[in-house]
Amino acid sequence: KRLRQILLNLLSNAIKFTPAGTVTLDLTYR
């Protein structure tokens, strides 16, 4: 629940405050 909320908030803010271009989510695992 918390991980989903954090990711949604960060991605939504990236979209909200980016007037043009790209928003990227990169996942790495090691």
Full PDB file with SEQRES, HELIX, SHEET, SSBOND, CRYST1, ORIGX, SCALE, CONECT and MASTER records, all heavy atoms in Angstrom:
SEQRES   1 A   30  LYS ARG LEU ARG GLN ILE LEU LEU ASN LEU LEU SER ASN          
SEQRES   2 A   30  ALA ILE LYS PHE THR PRO ALA GLY THR VAL THR LEU ASP          
SEQRES   3 A   30  LEU THR TYR ARG                                              
HELIX    1 AA1 ARG A    2  LYS A   16  1                                  15    
CRYST1    1.000    1.000    1.000  90.00  90.00  90.00 P 1           1          
ORIGX1      1.000000  0.000000  0.000000        0.00000                         
ORIGX2      0.000000  1.000000  0.000000        0.00000                         
ORIGX3      0.000000  0.000000  1.000000        0.00000                         
SCALE1      1.000000  0.000000  0.000000        0.00000                         
SCALE2      0.000000  1.000000  0.000000        0.00000                         
SCALE3      0.000000  0.000000  1.000000        0.00000                         
ATOM      1  N   LYS A   1       0.831  -1.210   0.000  1.00  0.00           N  
ATOM      2  CA  LYS A   1       0.000   0.000   0.000  1.00  0.00           C  
ATOM      3  C   LYS A   1       0.868   1.263   0.000  1.00  0.00           C  
ATOM      4  O   LYS A   1       0.645   2.184  -0.779  1.00  0.00           O  
ATOM      5  CB  LYS A   1      -0.920  -0.018   1.220  1.00  0.00           C  
ATOM      6  CG  LYS A   1      -1.828   1.170   1.319  1.00  0.00           C  
ATOM      7  CD  LYS A   1      -2.703   1.062   2.557  1.00  0.00           C  
ATOM      8  CE  LYS A   1      -3.518   2.328   2.749  1.00  0.00           C  
ATOM      9  NZ  LYS A   1      -4.318   2.261   3.977  1.00  0.00           N  
ATOM     10  N   ARG A   2       1.860   1.289   0.861  1.00  0.00           N  
ATOM     11  CA  ARG A   2       2.703   2.490   0.957  1.00  0.00           C  
ATOM     12  C   ARG A   2       3.616   2.652  -0.261  1.00  0.00           C  
ATOM     13  O   ARG A   2       3.807   3.756  -0.758  1.00  0.00           O  
ATOM     14  CB  ARG A   2       3.507   2.459   2.246  1.00  0.00           C  
ATOM     15  CG  ARG A   2       2.628   2.805   3.434  1.00  0.00           C  
ATOM     16  CD  ARG A   2       3.416   3.051   4.691  1.00  0.00           C  
ATOM     17  NE  ARG A   2       2.584   3.562   5.748  1.00  0.00           N  
ATOM     18  CZ  ARG A   2       1.725   2.853   6.470  1.00  0.00           C  
ATOM     19  NH1 ARG A   2       1.578   1.566   6.231  1.00  0.00           N  
ATOM     20  NH2 ARG A   2       1.031   3.410   7.435  1.00  0.00           N  
ATOM     21  N   LEU A   3       4.177   1.555  -0.741  1.00  0.00           N  
ATOM     22  CA  LEU A   3       5.026   1.636  -1.934  1.00  0.00           C  
ATOM     23  C   LEU A   3       4.214   2.145  -3.123  1.00  0.00           C  
ATOM     24  O   LEU A   3       4.659   3.020  -3.856  1.00  0.00           O  
ATOM     25  CB  LEU A   3       5.656   0.286  -2.262  1.00  0.00           C  
ATOM     26  CG  LEU A   3       6.510   0.250  -3.527  1.00  0.00           C  
ATOM     27  CD1 LEU A   3       7.673   1.235  -3.438  1.00  0.00           C  
ATOM     28  CD2 LEU A   3       7.007  -1.162  -3.785  1.00  0.00           C  
ATOM     29  N   ARG A   4       3.015   1.607  -3.302  1.00  0.00           N  
ATOM     30  CA  ARG A   4       2.149   2.056  -4.397  1.00  0.00           C  
ATOM     31  C   ARG A   4       1.847   3.547  -4.260  1.00  0.00           C  
ATOM     32  O   ARG A   4       1.938   4.299  -5.229  1.00  0.00           O  
ATOM     33  CB  ARG A   4       0.847   1.267  -4.411  1.00  0.00           C  
ATOM     34  CG  ARG A   4      -0.110   1.737  -5.505  1.00  0.00           C  
ATOM     35  CD  ARG A   4      -1.416   0.972  -5.529  1.00  0.00           C  
ATOM     36  NE  ARG A   4      -1.169  -0.340  -6.079  1.00  0.00           N  
ATOM     37  CZ  ARG A   4      -1.416  -1.478  -5.429  1.00  0.00           C  
ATOM     38  NH1 ARG A   4      -1.931  -1.462  -4.228  1.00  0.00           N  
ATOM     39  NH2 ARG A   4      -1.153  -2.637  -5.996  1.00  0.00           N  
ATOM     40  N   GLN A   5       1.512   4.007  -3.051  1.00  0.00           N  
ATOM     41  CA  GLN A   5       1.182   5.414  -2.840  1.00  0.00           C  
ATOM     42  C   GLN A   5       2.375   6.326  -3.117  1.00  0.00           C  
ATOM     43  O   GLN A   5       2.241   7.378  -3.733  1.00  0.00           O  
ATOM     44  CB  GLN A   5       0.657   5.638  -1.420  1.00  0.00           C  
ATOM     45  CG  GLN A   5       0.085   7.026  -1.211  1.00  0.00           C  
ATOM     46  CD  GLN A   5      -1.124   7.277  -2.094  1.00  0.00           C  
ATOM     47  OE1 GLN A   5      -2.051   6.483  -2.093  1.00  0.00           O  
ATOM     48  NE2 GLN A   5      -1.112   8.353  -2.860  1.00  0.00           N  
ATOM     49  N   ILE A   6       3.545   5.918  -2.665  1.00  0.00           N  
ATOM     50  CA  ILE A   6       4.756   6.714  -2.904  1.00  0.00           C  
ATOM     51  C   ILE A   6       5.033   6.835  -4.398  1.00  0.00           C  
ATOM     52  O   ILE A   6       5.270   7.929  -4.918  1.00  0.00           O  
ATOM     53  CB  ILE A   6       5.968   6.094  -2.164  1.00  0.00           C  
ATOM     54  CG1 ILE A   6       5.814   6.282  -0.660  1.00  0.00           C  
ATOM     55  CG2 ILE A   6       7.284   6.695  -2.663  1.00  0.00           C  
ATOM     56  CD1 ILE A   6       6.766   5.437   0.170  1.00  0.00           C  
ATOM     57  N   LEU A   7       4.994   5.711  -5.099  1.00  0.00           N  
ATOM     58  CA  LEU A   7       5.261   5.747  -6.547  1.00  0.00           C  
ATOM     59  C   LEU A   7       4.216   6.574  -7.289  1.00  0.00           C  
ATOM     60  O   LEU A   7       4.557   7.367  -8.173  1.00  0.00           O  
ATOM     61  CB  LEU A   7       5.340   4.333  -7.117  1.00  0.00           C  
ATOM     62  CG  LEU A   7       6.561   3.525  -6.694  1.00  0.00           C  
ATOM     63  CD1 LEU A   7       6.439   2.089  -7.184  1.00  0.00           C  
ATOM     64  CD2 LEU A   7       7.844   4.166  -7.193  1.00  0.00           C  
ATOM     65  N   LEU A   8       2.949   6.414  -6.925  1.00  0.00           N  
ATOM     66  CA  LEU A   8       1.899   7.201  -7.578  1.00  0.00           C  
ATOM     67  C   LEU A   8       2.065   8.690  -7.319  1.00  0.00           C  
ATOM     68  O   LEU A   8       1.902   9.504  -8.225  1.00  0.00           O  
ATOM     69  CB  LEU A   8       0.512   6.733  -7.123  1.00  0.00           C  
ATOM     70  CG  LEU A   8       0.041   5.409  -7.685  1.00  0.00           C  
ATOM     71  CD1 LEU A   8      -1.287   5.000  -7.050  1.00  0.00           C  
ATOM     72  CD2 LEU A   8      -0.096   5.473  -9.194  1.00  0.00           C  
ATOM     73  N   ASN A   9       2.396   9.065  -6.088  1.00  0.00           N  
ATOM     74  CA  ASN A   9       2.607  10.483  -5.768  1.00  0.00           C  
ATOM     75  C   ASN A   9       3.781  11.062  -6.555  1.00  0.00           C  
ATOM     76  O   ASN A   9       3.682  12.149  -7.137  1.00  0.00           O  
ATOM     77  CB  ASN A   9       2.845  10.683  -4.275  1.00  0.00           C  
ATOM     78  CG  ASN A   9       1.585  10.566  -3.456  1.00  0.00           C  
ATOM     79  OD1 ASN A   9       0.479  10.420  -3.969  1.00  0.00           O  
ATOM     80  ND2 ASN A   9       1.743  10.595  -2.143  1.00  0.00           N  
ATOM     81  N   LEU A  10       4.899  10.333  -6.574  1.00  0.00           N  
ATOM     82  CA  LEU A  10       6.073  10.834  -7.291  1.00  0.00           C  
ATOM     83  C   LEU A  10       5.820  10.947  -8.794  1.00  0.00           C  
ATOM     84  O   LEU A  10       6.174  11.947  -9.419  1.00  0.00           O  
ATOM     85  CB  LEU A  10       7.281   9.935  -7.024  1.00  0.00           C  
ATOM     86  CG  LEU A  10       7.848   9.989  -5.610  1.00  0.00           C  
ATOM     87  CD1 LEU A  10       8.885   8.892  -5.417  1.00  0.00           C  
ATOM     88  CD2 LEU A  10       8.441  11.358  -5.319  1.00  0.00           C  
ATOM     89  N   LEU A  11       5.197   9.929  -9.370  1.00  0.00           N  
ATOM     90  CA  LEU A  11       4.912   9.959 -10.810  1.00  0.00           C  
ATOM     91  C   LEU A  11       3.876  11.024 -11.150  1.00  0.00           C  
ATOM     92  O   LEU A  11       4.020  11.735 -12.153  1.00  0.00           O  
ATOM     93  CB  LEU A  11       4.458   8.579 -11.290  1.00  0.00           C  
ATOM     94  CG  LEU A  11       5.567   7.537 -11.342  1.00  0.00           C  
ATOM     95  CD1 LEU A  11       4.984   6.133 -11.445  1.00  0.00           C  
ATOM     96  CD2 LEU A  11       6.521   7.813 -12.491  1.00  0.00           C  
ATOM     97  N   SER A  12       2.856  11.157 -10.323  1.00  0.00           N  
ATOM     98  CA  SER A  12       1.842  12.193 -10.564  1.00  0.00           C  
ATOM     99  C   SER A  12       2.455  13.585 -10.497  1.00  0.00           C  
ATOM    100  O   SER A  12       2.144  14.457 -11.308  1.00  0.00           O  
ATOM    101  CB  SER A  12       0.695  12.075  -9.557  1.00  0.00           C  
ATOM    102  OG  SER A  12      -0.026  10.897  -9.775  1.00  0.00           O  
ATOM    103  N   ASN A  13       3.338  13.807  -9.522  1.00  0.00           N  
ATOM    104  CA  ASN A  13       4.016  15.102  -9.429  1.00  0.00           C  
ATOM    105  C   ASN A  13       4.915  15.350 -10.632  1.00  0.00           C  
ATOM    106  O   ASN A  13       4.988  16.466 -11.143  1.00  0.00           O  
ATOM    107  CB  ASN A  13       4.824  15.202  -8.142  1.00  0.00           C  
ATOM    108  CG  ASN A  13       3.959  15.477  -6.935  1.00  0.00           C  
ATOM    109  OD1 ASN A  13       2.817  15.900  -7.054  1.00  0.00           O  
ATOM    110  ND2 ASN A  13       4.496  15.216  -5.762  1.00  0.00           N  
ATOM    111  N   ALA A  14       5.604  14.311 -11.078  1.00  0.00           N  
ATOM    112  CA  ALA A  14       6.461  14.466 -12.262  1.00  0.00           C  
ATOM    113  C   ALA A  14       5.616  14.890 -13.464  1.00  0.00           C  
ATOM    114  O   ALA A  14       6.003  15.782 -14.224  1.00  0.00           O  
ATOM    115  CB  ALA A  14       7.210  13.170 -12.557  1.00  0.00           C  
ATOM    116  N   ILE A  15       4.454  14.285 -13.617  1.00  0.00           N  
ATOM    117  CA  ILE A  15       3.569  14.633 -14.735  1.00  0.00           C  
ATOM    118  C   ILE A  15       3.008  16.039 -14.546  1.00  0.00           C  
ATOM    119  O   ILE A  15       2.984  16.845 -15.477  1.00  0.00           O  
ATOM    120  CB  ILE A  15       2.440  13.592 -14.872  1.00  0.00           C  
ATOM    121  CG1 ILE A  15       3.034  12.266 -15.341  1.00  0.00           C  
ATOM    122  CG2 ILE A  15       1.347  14.076 -15.817  1.00  0.00           C  
ATOM    123  CD1 ILE A  15       2.099  11.075 -15.235  1.00  0.00           C  
ATOM    124  N   LYS A  16       2.581  16.341 -13.334  1.00  0.00           N  
ATOM    125  CA  LYS A  16       1.952  17.630 -13.040  1.00  0.00           C  
ATOM    126  C   LYS A  16       2.901  18.803 -13.294  1.00  0.00           C  
ATOM    127  O   LYS A  16       2.488  19.861 -13.774  1.00  0.00           O  
ATOM    128  CB  LYS A  16       1.517  17.633 -11.576  1.00  0.00           C  
ATOM    129  CG  LYS A  16       0.670  18.803 -11.179  1.00  0.00           C  
ATOM    130  CD  LYS A  16       0.348  18.827  -9.685  1.00  0.00           C  
ATOM    131  CE  LYS A  16      -0.074  17.517  -9.115  1.00  0.00           C  
ATOM    132  NZ  LYS A  16      -0.425  17.596  -7.676  1.00  0.00           N  
ATOM    133  N   PHE A  17       4.193  18.627 -12.999  1.00  0.00           N  
ATOM    134  CA  PHE A  17       5.141  19.732 -13.085  1.00  0.00           C  
ATOM    135  C   PHE A  17       6.087  19.635 -14.285  1.00  0.00           C  
ATOM    136  O   PHE A  17       7.120  20.293 -14.321  1.00  0.00           O  
ATOM    137  CB  PHE A  17       5.937  19.849 -11.785  1.00  0.00           C  
ATOM    138  CG  PHE A  17       5.070  20.227 -10.615  1.00  0.00           C  
ATOM    139  CD1 PHE A  17       4.741  19.298  -9.645  1.00  0.00           C  
ATOM    140  CD2 PHE A  17       4.540  21.503 -10.508  1.00  0.00           C  
ATOM    141  CE1 PHE A  17       3.921  19.632  -8.585  1.00  0.00           C  
ATOM    142  CE2 PHE A  17       3.730  21.860  -9.455  1.00  0.00           C  
ATOM    143  CZ  PHE A  17       3.409  20.917  -8.481  1.00  0.00           C  
ATOM    144  N   THR A  18       5.746  18.812 -15.272  1.00  0.00           N  
ATOM    145  CA  THR A  18       6.530  18.712 -16.497  1.00  0.00           C  
ATOM    146  C   THR A  18       5.679  19.254 -17.640  1.00  0.00           C  
ATOM    147  O   THR A  18       4.709  18.617 -18.041  1.00  0.00           O  
ATOM    148  CB  THR A  18       6.942  17.250 -16.769  1.00  0.00           C  
ATOM    149  OG1 THR A  18       7.700  16.775 -15.659  1.00  0.00           O  
ATOM    150  CG2 THR A  18       7.775  17.132 -18.029  1.00  0.00           C  
ATOM    151  N   PRO A  19       6.024  20.422 -18.155  1.00  0.00           N  
ATOM    152  CA  PRO A  19       5.188  21.027 -19.191  1.00  0.00           C  
ATOM    153  C   PRO A  19       5.283  20.324 -20.549  1.00  0.00           C  
ATOM    154  O   PRO A  19       4.331  20.354 -21.333  1.00  0.00           O  
ATOM    155  CB  PRO A  19       5.691  22.464 -19.284  1.00  0.00           C  
ATOM    156  CG  PRO A  19       7.053  22.443 -18.694  1.00  0.00           C  
ATOM    157  CD  PRO A  19       7.100  21.306 -17.725  1.00  0.00           C  
ATOM    158  N   ALA A  20       6.405  19.693 -20.832  1.00  0.00           N  
ATOM    159  CA  ALA A  20       6.587  19.007 -22.122  1.00  0.00           C  
ATOM    160  C   ALA A  20       7.721  18.006 -21.986  1.00  0.00           C  
ATOM    161  O   ALA A  20       8.605  18.166 -21.162  1.00  0.00           O  
ATOM    162  CB  ALA A  20       6.924  20.016 -23.219  1.00  0.00           C  
ATOM    163  N   GLY A  21       7.648  16.947 -22.801  1.00  0.00           N  
ATOM    164  CA  GLY A  21       8.753  15.978 -22.814  1.00  0.00           C  
ATOM    165  C   GLY A  21       8.361  14.614 -22.302  1.00  0.00           C  
ATOM    166  O   GLY A  21       7.357  14.045 -22.710  1.00  0.00           O  
ATOM    167  N   THR A  22       9.145  14.116 -21.335  1.00  0.00           N  
ATOM    168  CA  THR A  22       9.051  12.717 -20.929  1.00  0.00           C  
ATOM    169  C   THR A  22       9.113  12.558 -19.415  1.00  0.00           C  
ATOM    170  O   THR A  22       9.842  13.279 -18.741  1.00  0.00           O  
ATOM    171  CB  THR A  22      10.232  11.923 -21.543  1.00  0.00           C  
ATOM    172  OG1 THR A  22      10.232  12.122 -22.947  1.00  0.00           O  
ATOM    173  CG2 THR A  22      10.139  10.444 -21.250  1.00  0.00           C  
ATOM    174  N   VAL A  23       8.360  11.579 -18.910  1.00  0.00           N  
ATOM    175  CA  VAL A  23       8.468  11.125 -17.528  1.00  0.00           C  
ATOM    176  C   VAL A  23       8.893   9.653 -17.605  1.00  0.00           C  
ATOM    177  O   VAL A  23       8.333   8.880 -18.383  1.00  0.00           O  
ATOM    178  CB  VAL A  23       7.131  11.260 -16.774  1.00  0.00           C  
ATOM    179  CG1 VAL A  23       7.212  10.608 -15.404  1.00  0.00           C  
ATOM    180  CG2 VAL A  23       6.749  12.729 -16.645  1.00  0.00           C  
ATOM    181  N   THR A  24       9.900   9.286 -16.825  1.00  0.00           N  
ATOM    182  CA  THR A  24      10.468   7.939 -16.895  1.00  0.00           C  
ATOM    183  C   THR A  24      10.490   7.286 -15.516  1.00  0.00           C  
ATOM    184  O   THR A  24      10.851   7.925 -14.529  1.00  0.00           O  
ATOM    185  CB  THR A  24      11.910   7.992 -17.447  1.00  0.00           C  
ATOM    186  OG1 THR A  24      11.890   8.625 -18.725  1.00  0.00           O  
ATOM    187  CG2 THR A  24      12.506   6.609 -17.587  1.00  0.00           C  
ATOM    188  N   LEU A  25      10.104   6.017 -15.485  1.00  0.00           N  
ATOM    189  CA  LEU A  25      10.236   5.184 -14.289  1.00  0.00           C  
ATOM    190  C   LEU A  25      11.176   4.043 -14.642  1.00  0.00           C  
ATOM    191  O   LEU A  25      10.896   3.252 -15.537  1.00  0.00           O  
ATOM    192  CB  LEU A  25       8.883   4.626 -13.848  1.00  0.00           C  
ATOM    193  CG  LEU A  25       8.897   3.552 -12.757  1.00  0.00           C  
ATOM    194  CD1 LEU A  25       9.519   4.069 -11.464  1.00  0.00           C  
ATOM    195  CD2 LEU A  25       7.494   3.026 -12.511  1.00  0.00           C  
ATOM    196  N   ASP A  26      12.320   3.984 -13.959  1.00  0.00           N  
ATOM    197  CA  ASP A  26      13.293   2.911 -14.157  1.00  0.00           C  
ATOM    198  C   ASP A  26      13.315   2.052 -12.898  1.00  0.00           C  
ATOM    199  O   ASP A  26      13.384   2.575 -11.783  1.00  0.00           O  
ATOM    200  CB  ASP A  26      14.707   3.466 -14.377  1.00  0.00           C  
ATOM    201  CG  ASP A  26      14.846   4.173 -15.702  1.00  0.00           C  
ATOM    202  OD1 ASP A  26      14.448   3.595 -16.729  1.00  0.00           O  
ATOM    203  OD2 ASP A  26      15.344   5.314 -15.707  1.00  0.00           O  
ATOM    204  N   LEU A  27      13.268   0.754 -13.088  1.00  0.00           N  
ATOM    205  CA  LEU A  27      13.365  -0.194 -11.978  1.00  0.00           C  
ATOM    206  C   LEU A  27      14.590  -1.064 -12.196  1.00  0.00           C  
ATOM    207  O   LEU A  27      14.768  -1.645 -13.269  1.00  0.00           O  
ATOM    208  CB  LEU A  27      12.109  -1.074 -11.917  1.00  0.00           C  
ATOM    209  CG  LEU A  27      12.162  -2.300 -11.005  1.00  0.00           C  
ATOM    210  CD1 LEU A  27      12.410  -1.914  -9.557  1.00  0.00           C  
ATOM    211  CD2 LEU A  27      10.891  -3.113 -11.144  1.00  0.00           C  
ATOM    212  N   THR A  28      15.443  -1.113 -11.190  1.00  0.00           N  
ATOM    213  CA  THR A  28      16.575  -2.040 -11.213  1.00  0.00           C  
ATOM    214  C   THR A  28      16.453  -2.936  -9.993  1.00  0.00           C  
ATOM    215  O   THR A  28      15.845  -2.564  -8.989  1.00  0.00           O  
ATOM    216  CB  THR A  28      17.937  -1.311 -11.201  1.00  0.00           C  
ATOM    217  OG1 THR A  28      18.017  -0.485 -10.035  1.00  0.00           O  
ATOM    218  CG2 THR A  28      18.103  -0.452 -12.436  1.00  0.00           C  
ATOM    219  N   TYR A  29      17.028  -4.127 -10.092  1.00  0.00           N  
ATOM    220  CA  TYR A  29      16.948  -5.087  -8.999  1.00  0.00           C  
ATOM    221  C   TYR A  29      18.241  -5.880  -8.952  1.00  0.00           C  
ATOM    222  O   TYR A  29      18.661  -6.449  -9.955  1.00  0.00           O  
ATOM    223  CB  TYR A  29      15.756  -6.039  -9.204  1.00  0.00           C  
ATOM    224  CG  TYR A  29      15.573  -7.005  -8.077  1.00  0.00           C  
ATOM    225  CD1 TYR A  29      14.879  -6.633  -6.934  1.00  0.00           C  
ATOM    226  CD2 TYR A  29      16.107  -8.286  -8.138  1.00  0.00           C  
ATOM    227  CE1 TYR A  29      14.714  -7.520  -5.882  1.00  0.00           C  
ATOM    228  CE2 TYR A  29      15.949  -9.177  -7.089  1.00  0.00           C  
ATOM    229  CZ  TYR A  29      15.248  -8.791  -5.968  1.00  0.00           C  
ATOM    230  OH  TYR A  29      15.099  -9.662  -4.926  1.00  0.00           O  
ATOM    231  N   ARG A  30      18.874  -5.873  -7.764  1.00  0.00           N  
ATOM    232  CA  ARG A  30      20.123  -6.615  -7.606  1.00  0.00           C  
ATOM    233  C   ARG A  30      20.311  -6.946  -6.132  1.00  0.00           C  
ATOM    234  O   ARG A  30      20.088  -6.091  -5.272  1.00  0.00           O  
ATOM    235  CB  ARG A  30      21.293  -5.779  -8.107  1.00  0.00           C  
ATOM    236  CG  ARG A  30      22.604  -6.488  -8.029  1.00  0.00           C  
ATOM    237  CD  ARG A  30      23.706  -5.687  -8.678  1.00  0.00           C  
ATOM    238  NE  ARG A  30      24.931  -6.433  -8.570  1.00  0.00           N  
ATOM    239  CZ  ARG A  30      26.105  -5.885  -8.422  1.00  0.00           C  
ATOM    240  NH1 ARG A  30      26.225  -4.582  -8.391  1.00  0.00           N  
ATOM    241  NH2 ARG A  30      27.184  -6.623  -8.331  1.00  0.00           N  
TER     242      ARG A  30                                                      
MASTER        0    0    0    1    0    0    0    6  241    1    0    3          
END                                                                             
